[in-house]
Amino acid sequence: MSTTRQLAMSSYVGIGVGLMVIVCIEVILTYQHLPTRTLLFSLLCLASLEGFVAIMYLMQVKYERPILFWTIFPVTLFVLIFLNYLWPDAFRMFNMRLLQ
């Protein structure tokens, strides 16, 4: 095997191991019986980190031109911010009774 192929393979193995470590941390956190808000915030941060690593390295966005990243990132941020306008409707659904 050539050294560049070994280097590429070792980086993928490192990324895979890193993602598994993050998943293990998430599992450990769920068994710690933390307050709901703390647990939710921690798991969302770790999931965001996992997603970022997967997009940047496994989908190889890191190796694309920077303009691609700077077009995708603001659009994703825009969508996530405007999803906040849907949460009140989602919470309202918990209090609604089904018509019989």
N, C-alpha and C. Protein backbone atom coordinates (compact mmCIF):
# COMPACT_ATOMS: atom_id res chain seq x y z
N MET A 1 0.84 -1.18 0.00
CA MET A 1 0.00 0.00 0.00
C MET A 1 0.88 1.24 0.00
N SER A 2 0.48 2.23 -0.74
CA SER A 2 1.27 3.45 -0.76
C SER A 2 1.03 4.26 0.52
N THR A 3 1.95 5.17 0.79
CA THR A 3 1.85 5.94 2.04
C THR A 3 0.66 6.89 2.03
N THR A 4 0.29 7.43 0.86
CA THR A 4 -0.87 8.32 0.83
C THR A 4 -2.16 7.54 1.10
N ARG A 5 -2.22 6.32 0.60
CA ARG A 5 -3.39 5.49 0.86
C ARG A 5 -3.46 5.11 2.33
N GLN A 6 -2.29 4.80 2.94
CA GLN A 6 -2.27 4.49 4.37
C GLN A 6 -2.68 5.70 5.19
N LEU A 7 -2.21 6.87 4.79
CA LEU A 7 -2.55 8.10 5.49
C LEU A 7 -4.05 8.36 5.41
N ALA A 8 -4.63 8.16 4.22
CA ALA A 8 -6.07 8.36 4.05
C ALA A 8 -6.85 7.35 4.88
N MET A 9 -6.41 6.10 4.88
CA MET A 9 -7.10 5.07 5.64
C MET A 9 -7.01 5.35 7.13
N SER A 10 -5.84 5.77 7.61
CA SER A 10 -5.69 6.04 9.04
C SER A 10 -6.53 7.23 9.46
N SER A 11 -6.70 8.22 8.58
CA SER A 11 -7.55 9.35 8.95
C SER A 11 -9.01 8.92 9.03
N TYR A 12 -9.46 8.06 8.13
CA TYR A 12 -10.83 7.56 8.20
C TYR A 12 -11.05 6.71 9.44
N VAL A 13 -10.06 5.91 9.79
CA VAL A 13 -10.17 5.10 11.01
C VAL A 13 -10.24 6.02 12.23
N GLY A 14 -9.43 7.06 12.24
CA GLY A 14 -9.46 8.02 13.34
C GLY A 14 -10.79 8.74 13.44
N ILE A 15 -11.35 9.12 12.30
CA ILE A 15 -12.65 9.78 12.29
C ILE A 15 -13.73 8.83 12.79
N GLY A 16 -13.69 7.59 12.34
CA GLY A 16 -14.67 6.59 12.79
C GLY A 16 -14.58 6.33 14.28
N VAL A 17 -13.36 6.22 14.79
CA VAL A 17 -13.17 6.01 16.23
C VAL A 17 -13.65 7.23 17.01
N GLY A 18 -13.36 8.42 16.49
CA GLY A 18 -13.82 9.64 17.14
C GLY A 18 -15.34 9.72 17.21
N LEU A 19 -16.01 9.34 16.12
CA LEU A 19 -17.47 9.34 16.12
C LEU A 19 -18.03 8.31 17.10
N MET A 20 -17.36 7.15 17.19
CA MET A 20 -17.80 6.14 18.17
C MET A 20 -17.60 6.62 19.60
N VAL A 21 -16.54 7.37 19.85
CA VAL A 21 -16.30 7.92 21.18
C VAL A 21 -17.41 8.91 21.54
N ILE A 22 -17.81 9.73 20.58
CA ILE A 22 -18.89 10.69 20.84
C ILE A 22 -20.19 9.94 21.14
N VAL A 23 -20.47 8.87 20.42
CA VAL A 23 -21.68 8.07 20.69
C VAL A 23 -21.60 7.46 22.08
N CYS A 24 -20.44 6.96 22.47
CA CYS A 24 -20.27 6.39 23.82
C CYS A 24 -20.51 7.46 24.89
N ILE A 25 -20.03 8.67 24.66
CA ILE A 25 -20.26 9.76 25.61
C ILE A 25 -21.75 10.06 25.71
N GLU A 26 -22.44 10.03 24.57
CA GLU A 26 -23.89 10.27 24.58
C GLU A 26 -24.62 9.20 25.39
N VAL A 27 -24.23 7.95 25.21
CA VAL A 27 -24.86 6.86 25.95
C VAL A 27 -24.59 6.99 27.44
N ILE A 28 -23.36 7.31 27.80
CA ILE A 28 -23.01 7.48 29.21
C ILE A 28 -23.80 8.63 29.82
N LEU A 29 -23.95 9.72 29.08
CA LEU A 29 -24.72 10.86 29.59
C LEU A 29 -26.18 10.50 29.83
N THR A 30 -26.76 9.66 28.97
CA THR A 30 -28.17 9.31 29.17
C THR A 30 -28.38 8.46 30.41
N TYR A 31 -27.38 7.72 30.82
CA TYR A 31 -27.50 6.90 32.04
C TYR A 31 -27.15 7.67 33.31
N GLN A 32 -26.74 8.92 33.21
CA GLN A 32 -26.36 9.71 34.38
C GLN A 32 -27.55 10.36 35.06
N HIS A 33 -28.74 10.27 34.47
CA HIS A 33 -29.97 10.86 35.03
C HIS A 33 -29.79 12.35 35.32
N LEU A 34 -29.30 13.06 34.33
CA LEU A 34 -29.12 14.51 34.43
C LEU A 34 -30.48 15.19 34.30
N PRO A 35 -30.58 16.45 34.73
CA PRO A 35 -31.82 17.20 34.48
C PRO A 35 -32.10 17.25 32.97
N THR A 36 -33.37 17.30 32.63
CA THR A 36 -33.77 17.18 31.23
C THR A 36 -33.13 18.24 30.35
N ARG A 37 -33.12 19.48 30.80
CA ARG A 37 -32.55 20.55 29.98
C ARG A 37 -31.05 20.36 29.75
N THR A 38 -30.35 19.97 30.80
CA THR A 38 -28.91 19.75 30.69
C THR A 38 -28.63 18.59 29.73
N LEU A 39 -29.38 17.52 29.90
CA LEU A 39 -29.19 16.35 29.03
C LEU A 39 -29.51 16.70 27.58
N LEU A 40 -30.61 17.40 27.36
CA LEU A 40 -30.99 17.78 26.00
C LEU A 40 -29.94 18.67 25.36
N PHE A 41 -29.47 19.66 26.10
CA PHE A 41 -28.45 20.56 25.57
C PHE A 41 -27.17 19.80 25.24
N SER A 42 -26.74 18.92 26.14
CA SER A 42 -25.51 18.15 25.93
C SER A 42 -25.63 17.24 24.71
N LEU A 43 -26.76 16.54 24.61
CA LEU A 43 -26.93 15.61 23.49
C LEU A 43 -27.06 16.35 22.16
N LEU A 44 -27.72 17.51 22.16
CA LEU A 44 -27.81 18.29 20.93
C LEU A 44 -26.45 18.81 20.49
N CYS A 45 -25.65 19.26 21.44
CA CYS A 45 -24.30 19.73 21.10
C CYS A 45 -23.45 18.60 20.54
N LEU A 46 -23.50 17.44 21.19
CA LEU A 46 -22.71 16.31 20.70
C LEU A 46 -23.20 15.82 19.34
N ALA A 47 -24.52 15.81 19.14
CA ALA A 47 -25.06 15.39 17.84
C ALA A 47 -24.67 16.39 16.75
N SER A 48 -24.66 17.68 17.09
CA SER A 48 -24.23 18.68 16.11
C SER A 48 -22.76 18.49 15.75
N LEU A 49 -21.94 18.20 16.74
CA LEU A 49 -20.53 17.94 16.48
C LEU A 49 -20.36 16.71 15.60
N GLU A 50 -21.12 15.66 15.89
CA GLU A 50 -21.07 14.45 15.06
C GLU A 50 -21.46 14.75 13.61
N GLY A 51 -22.53 15.49 13.45
CA GLY A 51 -22.99 15.85 12.12
C GLY A 51 -21.97 16.69 11.37
N PHE A 52 -21.36 17.64 12.07
CA PHE A 52 -20.35 18.49 11.45
C PHE A 52 -19.16 17.66 10.97
N VAL A 53 -18.68 16.76 11.82
CA VAL A 53 -17.54 15.92 11.45
C VAL A 53 -17.91 15.02 10.27
N ALA A 54 -19.11 14.45 10.31
CA ALA A 54 -19.53 13.56 9.22
C ALA A 54 -19.64 14.32 7.91
N ILE A 55 -20.20 15.52 7.96
CA ILE A 55 -20.34 16.29 6.73
C ILE A 55 -18.99 16.74 6.20
N MET A 56 -18.14 17.23 7.08
CA MET A 56 -16.87 17.79 6.64
C MET A 56 -15.91 16.71 6.11
N TYR A 57 -15.84 15.57 6.80
CA TYR A 57 -14.83 14.57 6.43
C TYR A 57 -15.40 13.41 5.63
N LEU A 58 -16.50 12.81 6.07
CA LEU A 58 -17.02 11.65 5.37
C LEU A 58 -17.71 12.03 4.07
N MET A 59 -18.32 13.21 4.02
CA MET A 59 -18.92 13.68 2.77
C MET A 59 -17.94 14.55 1.98
N GLN A 60 -16.76 14.71 2.51
CA GLN A 60 -15.63 15.37 1.86
C GLN A 60 -15.89 16.82 1.48
N VAL A 61 -16.69 17.51 2.28
CA VAL A 61 -16.92 18.94 2.04
C VAL A 61 -15.67 19.73 2.39
N LYS A 62 -14.84 19.18 3.25
CA LYS A 62 -13.61 19.86 3.64
C LYS A 62 -12.69 20.10 2.44
N TYR A 63 -12.77 19.22 1.47
CA TYR A 63 -11.87 19.30 0.34
C TYR A 63 -12.46 20.09 -0.84
N GLU A 64 -13.69 20.57 -0.69
CA GLU A 64 -14.31 21.37 -1.74
C GLU A 64 -13.85 22.82 -1.63
N ARG A 65 -14.26 23.62 -2.59
CA ARG A 65 -13.95 25.04 -2.54
C ARG A 65 -14.69 25.67 -1.36
N PRO A 66 -14.10 26.67 -0.73
CA PRO A 66 -14.74 27.29 0.44
C PRO A 66 -16.11 27.90 0.14
N ILE A 67 -16.37 28.27 -1.09
CA ILE A 67 -17.65 28.89 -1.42
C ILE A 67 -18.80 27.90 -1.18
N LEU A 68 -18.55 26.60 -1.36
CA LEU A 68 -19.59 25.61 -1.11
C LEU A 68 -19.97 25.60 0.37
N PHE A 69 -18.95 25.60 1.24
CA PHE A 69 -19.21 25.62 2.68
C PHE A 69 -19.96 26.89 3.07
N TRP A 70 -19.54 28.02 2.54
CA TRP A 70 -20.14 29.29 2.91
C TRP A 70 -21.50 29.49 2.25
N THR A 71 -21.92 28.60 1.39
CA THR A 71 -23.30 28.65 0.88
C THR A 71 -24.18 27.70 1.69
N ILE A 72 -23.66 26.55 2.04
CA ILE A 72 -24.46 25.57 2.78
C ILE A 72 -24.63 25.99 4.23
N PHE A 73 -23.59 26.48 4.87
CA PHE A 73 -23.64 26.81 6.29
C PHE A 73 -24.70 27.85 6.63
N PRO A 74 -24.76 29.01 5.95
CA PRO A 74 -25.80 29.98 6.31
C PRO A 74 -27.22 29.48 6.03
N VAL A 75 -27.40 28.71 4.97
CA VAL A 75 -28.73 28.18 4.68
C VAL A 75 -29.17 27.22 5.77
N THR A 76 -28.28 26.35 6.21
CA THR A 76 -28.59 25.42 7.30
C THR A 76 -28.91 26.18 8.57
N LEU A 77 -28.13 27.19 8.88
CA LEU A 77 -28.38 28.01 10.06
C LEU A 77 -29.73 28.71 9.95
N PHE A 78 -30.06 29.22 8.78
CA PHE A 78 -31.34 29.87 8.54
C PHE A 78 -32.50 28.91 8.80
N VAL A 79 -32.39 27.69 8.30
CA VAL A 79 -33.45 26.70 8.48
C VAL A 79 -33.59 26.35 9.96
N LEU A 80 -32.48 26.17 10.66
CA LEU A 80 -32.55 25.82 12.08
C LEU A 80 -33.16 26.95 12.91
N ILE A 81 -32.84 28.18 12.58
CA ILE A 81 -33.40 29.32 13.31
C ILE A 81 -34.91 29.41 13.07
N PHE A 82 -35.34 29.24 11.84
CA PHE A 82 -36.76 29.35 11.55
C PHE A 82 -37.55 28.13 11.98
N LEU A 83 -36.89 27.03 12.31
CA LEU A 83 -37.60 25.90 12.91
C LEU A 83 -38.12 26.28 14.29
N ASN A 84 -37.49 27.26 14.93
CA ASN A 84 -37.96 27.70 16.24
C ASN A 84 -39.38 28.25 16.18
N TYR A 85 -39.82 28.73 15.03
CA TYR A 85 -41.17 29.23 14.90
C TYR A 85 -42.20 28.10 14.87
N LEU A 86 -41.74 26.86 14.67
CA LEU A 86 -42.65 25.72 14.67
C LEU A 86 -42.83 25.12 16.05
N TRP A 87 -41.91 25.36 16.97
CA TRP A 87 -42.00 24.75 18.30
C TRP A 87 -43.28 25.11 19.05
N PRO A 88 -43.75 26.37 19.03
CA PRO A 88 -45.01 26.65 19.75
C PRO A 88 -46.17 25.80 19.25
N ASP A 89 -46.25 25.56 17.95
CA ASP A 89 -47.32 24.70 17.44
C ASP A 89 -47.14 23.26 17.91
N ALA A 90 -45.90 22.81 17.98
CA ALA A 90 -45.65 21.45 18.44
C ALA A 90 -46.05 21.29 19.91
N PHE A 91 -45.75 22.27 20.73
CA PHE A 91 -46.11 22.19 22.14
C PHE A 91 -47.63 22.35 22.32
N ARG A 92 -48.27 23.11 21.47
CA ARG A 92 -49.71 23.28 21.54
C ARG A 92 -50.41 21.96 21.25
N MET A 93 -49.83 21.14 20.42
CA MET A 93 -50.44 19.85 20.08
C MET A 93 -50.53 18.93 21.29
N PHE A 94 -49.62 19.08 22.26
CA PHE A 94 -49.68 18.24 23.46
C PHE A 94 -50.94 18.53 24.27
N ASN A 95 -51.40 19.77 24.24
CA ASN A 95 -52.55 20.16 25.05
C ASN A 95 -53.88 19.99 24.33
N MET A 96 -53.86 19.67 23.07
CA MET A 96 -55.10 19.52 22.33
C MET A 96 -55.69 18.13 22.56
N ARG A 97 -57.00 18.08 22.63
CA ARG A 97 -57.67 16.79 22.75
C ARG A 97 -58.18 16.37 21.38
N LEU A 98 -58.15 15.11 21.12
CA LEU A 98 -58.69 14.61 19.87
C LEU A 98 -60.21 14.64 19.91
N LEU A 99 -60.81 15.04 18.81
CA LEU A 99 -62.27 15.03 18.74
C LEU A 99 -62.76 13.60 18.63
N GLN A 100 -63.80 13.31 19.37
CA GLN A 100 -64.30 11.94 19.36
C GLN A 100 -65.60 11.83 18.64
